[in-house]
Amino acid sequence: MPIRIHVETSEIGQELSLYPSNGEIVKEKAADAMRMLVDSDALSFLYVLETENDLIYVDLGEEHWENIDKAADNGLEAVLHLDSEHKITLSALVSEMEYLVENIKGNTNYGEKMVSKVEKSFTSIISKTEEGTI
C-alpha cells in the first residue's frame, strides 16, 4: 500500500516550497516518478514518488492549489522539503498540473465539487490553455 504524506504548508519564493507534516516517514531514498493522480473524493492531487519498496503519494490538498497555480504562472520549480536535510524537486509538477487541470475543467466525471474548485483555483493555468500558450 502506498505511503501518503500530506503537505501542510506551501510557500512561494524563488521556488514553490512544499512542507509535509509527516515527511520524516520516508525512510528510503525517494525518486521523482514524474506523474500525478487525482483524488477527487478528497479534493486532492497526489504527486508520486518511488522508493525501492514503496510508492509515496504527496498529497496536495486544495489549500495549496492557488500557490501551485502561481508557481506555474511564474515558471517556478516545486521542491518538497521532507525534513531539514532532505528535499526532492518535483520536476513534473507544473506540466502534470497543466495536463490534469485541462482534463478536469468542465468534466463532471471528476465530480461537480472537484471541477468547481479546480476552475476557481487554477485560473492562470486555465487561461494559458485557453490561449494556447501551454
N, C-alpha and C. Protein backbone atom coordinates (compact mmCIF):
# COMPACT_ATOMS: atom_id res chain seq x y z
N MET A 1 0.84 -1.18 0.00
CA MET A 1 0.00 0.00 0.00
C MET A 1 0.89 1.25 0.00
N PRO A 2 0.54 2.21 -0.83
CA PRO A 2 1.37 3.44 -0.89
C PRO A 2 1.38 4.20 0.43
N ILE A 3 2.46 4.89 0.66
CA ILE A 3 2.60 5.78 1.80
C ILE A 3 2.07 7.14 1.35
N ARG A 4 1.28 7.78 2.18
CA ARG A 4 0.72 9.09 1.83
C ARG A 4 1.29 10.13 2.78
N ILE A 5 1.93 11.16 2.21
CA ILE A 5 2.40 12.26 3.04
C ILE A 5 1.61 13.51 2.66
N HIS A 6 1.20 14.25 3.66
CA HIS A 6 0.32 15.40 3.47
C HIS A 6 1.12 16.70 3.53
N VAL A 7 1.00 17.50 2.49
CA VAL A 7 1.64 18.81 2.51
C VAL A 7 0.85 19.70 3.44
N GLU A 8 1.53 20.21 4.45
CA GLU A 8 0.90 21.06 5.45
C GLU A 8 1.01 22.54 5.07
N THR A 9 2.18 22.92 4.52
CA THR A 9 2.44 24.32 4.21
C THR A 9 3.07 24.42 2.82
N SER A 10 2.68 25.45 2.10
CA SER A 10 3.32 25.76 0.81
C SER A 10 3.64 27.25 0.80
N GLU A 11 4.81 27.57 0.24
CA GLU A 11 5.25 28.96 0.19
C GLU A 11 5.83 29.27 -1.18
N ILE A 12 5.54 30.47 -1.66
CA ILE A 12 6.09 30.94 -2.92
C ILE A 12 7.26 31.87 -2.61
N GLY A 13 8.38 31.63 -3.23
CA GLY A 13 9.58 32.47 -3.12
C GLY A 13 10.33 32.31 -4.43
N GLN A 14 11.58 31.93 -4.35
CA GLN A 14 12.36 31.62 -5.56
C GLN A 14 11.90 30.30 -6.17
N GLU A 15 11.13 29.54 -5.39
CA GLU A 15 10.58 28.26 -5.80
C GLU A 15 9.24 28.09 -5.07
N LEU A 16 8.51 27.06 -5.44
CA LEU A 16 7.35 26.66 -4.66
C LEU A 16 7.86 25.64 -3.65
N SER A 17 7.90 26.02 -2.38
CA SER A 17 8.38 25.14 -1.32
C SER A 17 7.19 24.45 -0.68
N LEU A 18 7.27 23.13 -0.59
CA LEU A 18 6.20 22.32 -0.03
C LEU A 18 6.74 21.61 1.21
N TYR A 19 6.03 21.75 2.33
CA TYR A 19 6.47 21.18 3.60
C TYR A 19 5.41 20.20 4.12
N PRO A 20 5.70 18.91 4.08
CA PRO A 20 4.73 17.94 4.61
C PRO A 20 4.81 17.85 6.12
N SER A 21 3.69 17.47 6.72
CA SER A 21 3.65 17.31 8.17
C SER A 21 4.32 16.01 8.61
N ASN A 22 4.44 15.06 7.69
CA ASN A 22 4.96 13.75 8.06
C ASN A 22 6.04 13.25 7.07
N GLY A 23 6.86 14.15 6.56
CA GLY A 23 7.89 13.78 5.60
C GLY A 23 8.95 12.86 6.15
N GLU A 24 9.11 12.87 7.46
CA GLU A 24 10.14 12.03 8.07
C GLU A 24 9.83 10.55 7.95
N ILE A 25 8.60 10.18 7.58
CA ILE A 25 8.29 8.76 7.44
C ILE A 25 8.92 8.15 6.19
N VAL A 26 9.41 9.00 5.30
CA VAL A 26 10.09 8.50 4.11
C VAL A 26 11.50 8.09 4.54
N LYS A 27 11.69 6.80 4.77
CA LYS A 27 12.95 6.29 5.31
C LYS A 27 13.97 5.96 4.22
N GLU A 28 13.50 5.60 3.05
CA GLU A 28 14.40 5.25 1.96
C GLU A 28 14.55 6.44 1.02
N LYS A 29 15.59 6.40 0.21
CA LYS A 29 15.79 7.44 -0.79
C LYS A 29 14.63 7.38 -1.79
N ALA A 30 13.93 8.48 -1.91
CA ALA A 30 12.78 8.55 -2.81
C ALA A 30 13.19 9.21 -4.12
N ALA A 31 12.62 8.72 -5.21
CA ALA A 31 12.88 9.27 -6.54
C ALA A 31 11.59 9.86 -7.11
N ASP A 32 11.74 10.87 -7.90
CA ASP A 32 10.62 11.52 -8.57
C ASP A 32 10.09 10.59 -9.65
N ALA A 33 8.83 10.17 -9.53
CA ALA A 33 8.21 9.30 -10.53
C ALA A 33 7.63 10.10 -11.69
N MET A 34 7.60 11.42 -11.56
CA MET A 34 7.17 12.33 -12.61
C MET A 34 5.76 12.06 -13.12
N ARG A 35 4.86 11.75 -12.18
CA ARG A 35 3.45 11.57 -12.54
C ARG A 35 2.57 11.93 -11.36
N MET A 36 1.29 12.17 -11.67
CA MET A 36 0.33 12.56 -10.64
C MET A 36 -0.96 11.78 -10.81
N LEU A 37 -1.69 11.72 -9.71
CA LEU A 37 -3.02 11.12 -9.68
C LEU A 37 -3.99 12.15 -9.11
N VAL A 38 -5.27 11.90 -9.30
CA VAL A 38 -6.30 12.77 -8.77
C VAL A 38 -7.13 11.98 -7.76
N ASP A 39 -7.35 12.57 -6.60
CA ASP A 39 -8.26 12.01 -5.59
C ASP A 39 -9.41 13.00 -5.47
N SER A 40 -10.40 12.84 -6.35
CA SER A 40 -11.49 13.82 -6.38
C SER A 40 -12.38 13.73 -5.15
N ASP A 41 -12.45 12.57 -4.51
CA ASP A 41 -13.24 12.45 -3.28
C ASP A 41 -12.65 13.31 -2.16
N ALA A 42 -11.32 13.36 -2.09
CA ALA A 42 -10.63 14.14 -1.05
C ALA A 42 -10.25 15.54 -1.53
N LEU A 43 -10.65 15.90 -2.76
CA LEU A 43 -10.27 17.18 -3.37
C LEU A 43 -8.76 17.38 -3.26
N SER A 44 -8.02 16.46 -3.87
CA SER A 44 -6.58 16.49 -3.74
C SER A 44 -5.90 15.95 -5.00
N PHE A 45 -4.69 16.44 -5.21
CA PHE A 45 -3.82 15.90 -6.24
C PHE A 45 -2.70 15.15 -5.53
N LEU A 46 -2.27 14.05 -6.10
CA LEU A 46 -1.23 13.22 -5.50
C LEU A 46 -0.05 13.14 -6.44
N TYR A 47 1.08 13.69 -6.01
CA TYR A 47 2.31 13.60 -6.78
C TYR A 47 3.00 12.31 -6.34
N VAL A 48 3.47 11.51 -7.30
CA VAL A 48 4.00 10.19 -7.00
C VAL A 48 5.53 10.21 -6.92
N LEU A 49 6.03 9.66 -5.81
CA LEU A 49 7.45 9.39 -5.64
C LEU A 49 7.60 7.87 -5.51
N GLU A 50 8.81 7.38 -5.77
CA GLU A 50 9.07 5.95 -5.67
C GLU A 50 10.31 5.68 -4.82
N THR A 51 10.24 4.62 -4.05
CA THR A 51 11.43 4.09 -3.41
C THR A 51 11.61 2.67 -3.95
N GLU A 52 12.62 1.99 -3.50
CA GLU A 52 12.83 0.62 -3.96
C GLU A 52 11.64 -0.28 -3.58
N ASN A 53 11.00 0.02 -2.46
CA ASN A 53 9.95 -0.85 -1.95
C ASN A 53 8.53 -0.26 -1.94
N ASP A 54 8.41 1.04 -2.10
CA ASP A 54 7.10 1.67 -1.94
C ASP A 54 6.85 2.78 -2.95
N LEU A 55 5.57 3.07 -3.12
CA LEU A 55 5.15 4.31 -3.76
C LEU A 55 4.81 5.28 -2.64
N ILE A 56 5.10 6.54 -2.87
CA ILE A 56 4.77 7.59 -1.91
C ILE A 56 3.90 8.61 -2.63
N TYR A 57 2.75 8.88 -2.06
CA TYR A 57 1.85 9.89 -2.61
C TYR A 57 2.01 11.17 -1.81
N VAL A 58 2.40 12.24 -2.49
CA VAL A 58 2.49 13.56 -1.87
C VAL A 58 1.15 14.23 -2.08
N ASP A 59 0.40 14.37 -1.00
CA ASP A 59 -0.97 14.85 -1.03
C ASP A 59 -0.99 16.38 -1.06
N LEU A 60 -1.47 16.92 -2.18
CA LEU A 60 -1.56 18.37 -2.38
C LEU A 60 -3.03 18.78 -2.33
N GLY A 61 -3.50 19.08 -1.12
CA GLY A 61 -4.89 19.46 -0.91
C GLY A 61 -5.20 20.83 -1.49
N GLU A 62 -6.48 21.13 -1.54
CA GLU A 62 -6.93 22.36 -2.21
C GLU A 62 -6.38 23.64 -1.60
N GLU A 63 -5.96 23.61 -0.35
CA GLU A 63 -5.41 24.82 0.27
C GLU A 63 -4.08 25.23 -0.38
N HIS A 64 -3.49 24.36 -1.20
CA HIS A 64 -2.22 24.67 -1.87
C HIS A 64 -2.37 24.95 -3.36
N TRP A 65 -3.57 24.81 -3.88
CA TRP A 65 -3.77 24.92 -5.31
C TRP A 65 -3.45 26.30 -5.86
N GLU A 66 -3.81 27.34 -5.16
CA GLU A 66 -3.52 28.69 -5.66
C GLU A 66 -2.02 28.94 -5.74
N ASN A 67 -1.27 28.43 -4.77
CA ASN A 67 0.20 28.56 -4.84
C ASN A 67 0.78 27.75 -5.99
N ILE A 68 0.20 26.59 -6.25
CA ILE A 68 0.66 25.78 -7.40
C ILE A 68 0.38 26.54 -8.69
N ASP A 69 -0.80 27.16 -8.77
CA ASP A 69 -1.15 27.95 -9.96
C ASP A 69 -0.19 29.12 -10.14
N LYS A 70 0.16 29.80 -9.05
CA LYS A 70 1.11 30.92 -9.12
C LYS A 70 2.49 30.42 -9.56
N ALA A 71 2.90 29.28 -9.04
CA ALA A 71 4.19 28.72 -9.43
C ALA A 71 4.20 28.39 -10.92
N ALA A 72 3.11 27.83 -11.40
CA ALA A 72 3.02 27.51 -12.84
C ALA A 72 3.06 28.79 -13.66
N ASP A 73 2.35 29.81 -13.22
CA ASP A 73 2.30 31.08 -13.94
C ASP A 73 3.67 31.76 -14.00
N ASN A 74 4.47 31.57 -12.95
CA ASN A 74 5.78 32.23 -12.87
C ASN A 74 6.95 31.31 -13.22
N GLY A 75 6.66 30.10 -13.68
CA GLY A 75 7.72 29.18 -14.08
C GLY A 75 8.62 28.73 -12.94
N LEU A 76 8.04 28.61 -11.75
CA LEU A 76 8.84 28.24 -10.58
C LEU A 76 8.92 26.73 -10.43
N GLU A 77 10.05 26.28 -9.93
CA GLU A 77 10.28 24.88 -9.61
C GLU A 77 9.57 24.54 -8.30
N ALA A 78 9.07 23.31 -8.17
CA ALA A 78 8.45 22.85 -6.93
C ALA A 78 9.43 21.95 -6.19
N VAL A 79 9.61 22.23 -4.90
CA VAL A 79 10.56 21.46 -4.09
C VAL A 79 9.85 20.98 -2.83
N LEU A 80 9.91 19.67 -2.60
CA LEU A 80 9.35 19.05 -1.41
C LEU A 80 10.44 18.95 -0.36
N HIS A 81 10.23 19.58 0.79
CA HIS A 81 11.20 19.55 1.89
C HIS A 81 10.76 18.48 2.89
N LEU A 82 11.38 17.30 2.82
CA LEU A 82 10.99 16.18 3.68
C LEU A 82 11.36 16.43 5.14
N ASP A 83 12.53 17.00 5.34
CA ASP A 83 12.99 17.41 6.67
C ASP A 83 14.06 18.48 6.45
N SER A 84 14.77 18.85 7.48
CA SER A 84 15.73 19.95 7.35
C SER A 84 16.91 19.61 6.43
N GLU A 85 17.15 18.35 6.16
CA GLU A 85 18.29 17.94 5.34
C GLU A 85 17.93 17.33 4.00
N HIS A 86 16.69 16.90 3.82
CA HIS A 86 16.32 16.17 2.61
C HIS A 86 15.21 16.89 1.86
N LYS A 87 15.46 17.09 0.57
CA LYS A 87 14.45 17.69 -0.28
C LYS A 87 14.48 17.02 -1.65
N ILE A 88 13.34 17.07 -2.34
CA ILE A 88 13.19 16.46 -3.65
C ILE A 88 12.53 17.47 -4.57
N THR A 89 13.12 17.68 -5.72
CA THR A 89 12.48 18.53 -6.73
C THR A 89 11.40 17.72 -7.43
N LEU A 90 10.21 18.28 -7.46
CA LEU A 90 9.08 17.63 -8.14
C LEU A 90 9.04 18.17 -9.57
N SER A 91 9.88 17.61 -10.40
CA SER A 91 10.17 18.19 -11.71
C SER A 91 9.00 18.22 -12.68
N ALA A 92 8.02 17.36 -12.50
CA ALA A 92 6.89 17.32 -13.42
C ALA A 92 5.62 17.94 -12.84
N LEU A 93 5.72 18.58 -11.69
CA LEU A 93 4.51 19.10 -11.04
C LEU A 93 3.75 20.06 -11.95
N VAL A 94 4.42 21.03 -12.51
CA VAL A 94 3.72 22.03 -13.33
C VAL A 94 3.13 21.40 -14.59
N SER A 95 3.90 20.62 -15.31
CA SER A 95 3.38 20.01 -16.54
C SER A 95 2.24 19.04 -16.26
N GLU A 96 2.34 18.28 -15.18
CA GLU A 96 1.26 17.37 -14.81
C GLU A 96 0.01 18.14 -14.41
N MET A 97 0.19 19.24 -13.66
CA MET A 97 -0.97 20.04 -13.26
C MET A 97 -1.65 20.66 -14.48
N GLU A 98 -0.86 21.15 -15.41
CA GLU A 98 -1.44 21.71 -16.63
C GLU A 98 -2.29 20.67 -17.36
N TYR A 99 -1.76 19.48 -17.48
CA TYR A 99 -2.48 18.39 -18.14
C TYR A 99 -3.76 18.03 -17.38
N LEU A 100 -3.63 17.85 -16.06
CA LEU A 100 -4.79 17.44 -15.27
C LEU A 100 -5.87 18.52 -15.21
N VAL A 101 -5.47 19.77 -15.03
CA VAL A 101 -6.45 20.86 -14.98
C VAL A 101 -7.21 20.94 -16.30
N GLU A 102 -6.51 20.81 -17.40
CA GLU A 102 -7.17 20.83 -18.71
C GLU A 102 -8.19 19.69 -18.83
N ASN A 103 -7.86 18.53 -18.31
CA ASN A 103 -8.77 17.39 -18.38
C ASN A 103 -9.94 17.49 -17.41
N ILE A 104 -9.73 18.12 -16.26
CA ILE A 104 -10.78 18.23 -15.25
C ILE A 104 -11.77 19.33 -15.59
N LYS A 105 -11.28 20.41 -16.18
CA LYS A 105 -12.12 21.57 -16.49
C LYS A 105 -13.37 21.12 -17.27
N GLY A 106 -14.55 21.35 -16.67
CA GLY A 106 -15.81 21.03 -17.31
C GLY A 106 -16.16 19.55 -17.36
N ASN A 107 -15.34 18.69 -16.76
CA ASN A 107 -15.53 17.24 -16.83
C ASN A 107 -16.13 16.73 -15.53
N THR A 108 -17.44 16.57 -15.49
CA THR A 108 -18.12 16.17 -14.26
C THR A 108 -17.84 14.72 -13.85
N ASN A 109 -17.08 13.97 -14.65
CA ASN A 109 -16.66 12.64 -14.20
C ASN A 109 -15.81 12.74 -12.93
N TYR A 110 -15.19 13.89 -12.71
CA TYR A 110 -14.40 14.11 -11.50
C TYR A 110 -15.27 14.59 -10.33
N GLY A 111 -16.53 14.83 -10.58
CA GLY A 111 -17.44 15.33 -9.56
C GLY A 111 -17.56 16.85 -9.67
N GLU A 112 -18.76 17.34 -9.48
CA GLU A 112 -19.01 18.77 -9.65
C GLU A 112 -18.19 19.62 -8.70
N LYS A 113 -18.01 19.15 -7.46
CA LYS A 113 -17.26 19.93 -6.48
C LYS A 113 -15.79 20.06 -6.90
N MET A 114 -15.20 18.96 -7.38
CA MET A 114 -13.80 18.99 -7.83
C MET A 114 -13.66 19.93 -9.02
N VAL A 115 -14.56 19.83 -9.97
CA VAL A 115 -14.50 20.68 -11.16
C VAL A 115 -14.60 22.15 -10.76
N SER A 116 -15.56 22.47 -9.92
CA SER A 116 -15.75 23.86 -9.48
C SER A 116 -14.52 24.40 -8.78
N LYS A 117 -13.96 23.63 -7.85
CA LYS A 117 -12.78 24.09 -7.09
C LYS A 117 -11.57 24.24 -8.00
N VAL A 118 -11.38 23.32 -8.93
CA VAL A 118 -10.25 23.40 -9.86
C VAL A 118 -10.39 24.64 -10.74
N GLU A 119 -11.59 24.88 -11.26
CA GLU A 119 -11.80 26.04 -12.13
C GLU A 119 -11.59 27.36 -11.39
N LYS A 120 -11.88 27.40 -10.11
CA LYS A 120 -11.68 28.62 -9.31
C LYS A 120 -10.22 28.81 -8.90
N SER A 121 -9.51 27.71 -8.67
CA SER A 121 -8.15 27.79 -8.11
C SER A 121 -7.06 27.92 -9.16
N PHE A 122 -7.26 27.36 -10.34
CA PHE A 122 -6.20 27.30 -11.35
C PHE A 122 -6.48 28.24 -12.52
N THR A 123 -6.76 29.50 -12.20
CA THR A 123 -7.13 30.46 -13.25
C THR A 123 -5.99 30.74 -14.22
N SER A 124 -4.75 30.78 -13.75
CA SER A 124 -3.62 31.05 -14.65
C SER A 124 -3.40 29.90 -15.62
N ILE A 125 -3.45 28.68 -15.10
CA ILE A 125 -3.26 27.51 -15.97
C ILE A 125 -4.38 27.44 -16.99
N ILE A 126 -5.62 27.65 -16.56
CA ILE A 126 -6.77 27.61 -17.48
C ILE A 126 -6.65 28.69 -18.54
N SER A 127 -6.26 29.89 -18.13
CA SER A 127 -6.11 30.98 -19.07
C SER A 127 -5.05 30.65 -20.14
N LYS A 128 -3.93 30.09 -19.70
CA LYS A 128 -2.87 29.73 -20.65
C LYS A 128 -3.31 28.63 -21.60
N THR A 129 -4.07 27.64 -21.11
CA THR A 129 -4.50 26.57 -22.01
C THR A 129 -5.54 27.10 -23.01
N GLU A 130 -6.38 28.03 -22.57
CA GLU A 130 -7.36 28.60 -23.48
C GLU A 130 -6.70 29.48 -24.54
N GLU A 131 -5.61 30.14 -24.17
CA GLU A 131 -4.87 30.97 -25.11
C GLU A 131 -3.97 30.14 -26.01
N GLY A 132 -3.78 28.88 -25.65
CA GLY A 132 -2.91 28.00 -26.42
C GLY A 132 -1.43 28.25 -26.16
N THR A 133 -1.10 28.87 -25.02
CA THR A 133 0.30 29.14 -24.72
C THR A 133 0.95 28.01 -23.91
N ILE A 134 0.19 26.97 -23.65
CA ILE A 134 0.74 25.77 -22.97
C ILE A 134 0.73 24.64 -23.97
